[in-house]
Amino acid sequence: MCRYFDALGEKETAALYFRALKRIAPRHPMTKHTKRVIYPPFWIRILSRLAKRLAEKAEDAEKRNHT
């Protein structure tokens, strides 16, 4: 459920489910994986933002070339 709500953009609901999962099974591999998905490491967040900006620039350049 955590990953589902995170994918929908409902970060607070995802965090609520994650806290419940963490109380139930704190050392379970799925709990650890879910934490990495909901709260990605710093370098993953930076790379994701960079990739998004590069995609936006490429899209803008493509639009300018077609007009």
Protein backbone atom coordinates (compact mmCIF):
# COMPACT_ATOMS: atom_id res chain seq x y z
CA MET A 1 0.00 0.00 0.00
CA CYS A 2 2.89 2.37 0.75
CA ARG A 3 4.31 2.13 -2.74
CA TYR A 4 0.84 2.44 -4.30
CA PHE A 5 0.05 5.69 -2.53
CA ASP A 6 3.57 6.99 -3.19
CA ALA A 7 3.10 6.31 -6.92
CA LEU A 8 -0.19 8.22 -6.82
CA GLY A 9 1.59 11.17 -5.27
CA GLU A 10 -0.12 10.82 -1.91
CA LYS A 11 3.08 11.06 0.12
CA GLU A 12 1.44 11.56 3.50
CA THR A 13 -0.78 8.49 3.14
CA ALA A 14 2.23 6.46 1.98
CA ALA A 15 4.20 7.64 5.01
CA LEU A 16 1.32 6.69 7.31
CA TYR A 17 1.22 3.15 5.91
CA PHE A 18 5.01 2.94 6.11
CA ARG A 19 5.01 3.86 9.80
CA ALA A 20 2.45 1.11 10.44
CA LEU A 21 4.52 -1.38 8.45
CA LYS A 22 7.63 -0.37 10.35
CA ARG A 23 5.89 -1.05 13.67
CA ILE A 24 4.72 -4.48 12.52
CA ALA A 25 7.89 -5.72 10.78
CA PRO A 26 10.80 -3.28 11.18
CA ARG A 27 13.50 -5.66 9.88
CA HIS A 28 11.57 -7.32 7.08
CA PRO A 29 13.19 -6.87 3.63
CA MET A 30 9.96 -5.42 2.21
CA THR A 31 9.96 -2.76 4.93
CA LYS A 32 13.53 -1.82 4.05
CA HIS A 33 12.77 -1.74 0.33
CA THR A 34 9.65 0.35 0.89
CA LYS A 35 11.69 2.84 2.90
CA ARG A 36 14.12 3.23 -0.02
CA VAL A 37 11.21 3.80 -2.41
CA ILE A 38 9.37 6.34 -0.25
CA TYR A 39 12.49 8.03 1.15
CA PRO A 40 15.14 7.61 -1.56
CA PRO A 41 18.78 8.33 -0.73
CA PHE A 42 20.10 11.84 -1.39
CA TRP A 43 22.03 10.92 -4.53
CA ILE A 44 18.98 9.21 -6.07
CA ARG A 45 16.89 12.34 -5.48
CA ILE A 46 19.57 14.51 -7.10
CA LEU A 47 19.88 12.21 -10.12
CA SER A 48 16.09 12.09 -10.52
CA ARG A 49 15.83 15.87 -10.51
CA LEU A 50 18.68 16.15 -13.00
CA ALA A 51 17.08 13.62 -15.32
CA LYS A 52 13.75 15.46 -15.12
CA ARG A 53 15.38 18.79 -15.99
CA LEU A 54 17.28 17.28 -18.90
CA ALA A 55 14.08 15.72 -20.23
CA GLU A 56 12.28 19.07 -19.96
CA LYS A 57 15.10 20.84 -21.82
CA ALA A 58 15.08 18.20 -24.55
CA GLU A 59 11.30 18.55 -24.87
CA ASP A 60 11.58 22.34 -25.12
CA ALA A 61 14.29 22.04 -27.78
CA GLU A 62 12.14 19.59 -29.72
CA LYS A 63 9.19 22.00 -29.63
CA ARG A 64 11.36 24.85 -30.87
CA ASN A 65 12.66 22.73 -33.75
CA HIS A 66 9.11 21.89 -34.92
CA THR A 67 7.82 25.46 -34.96
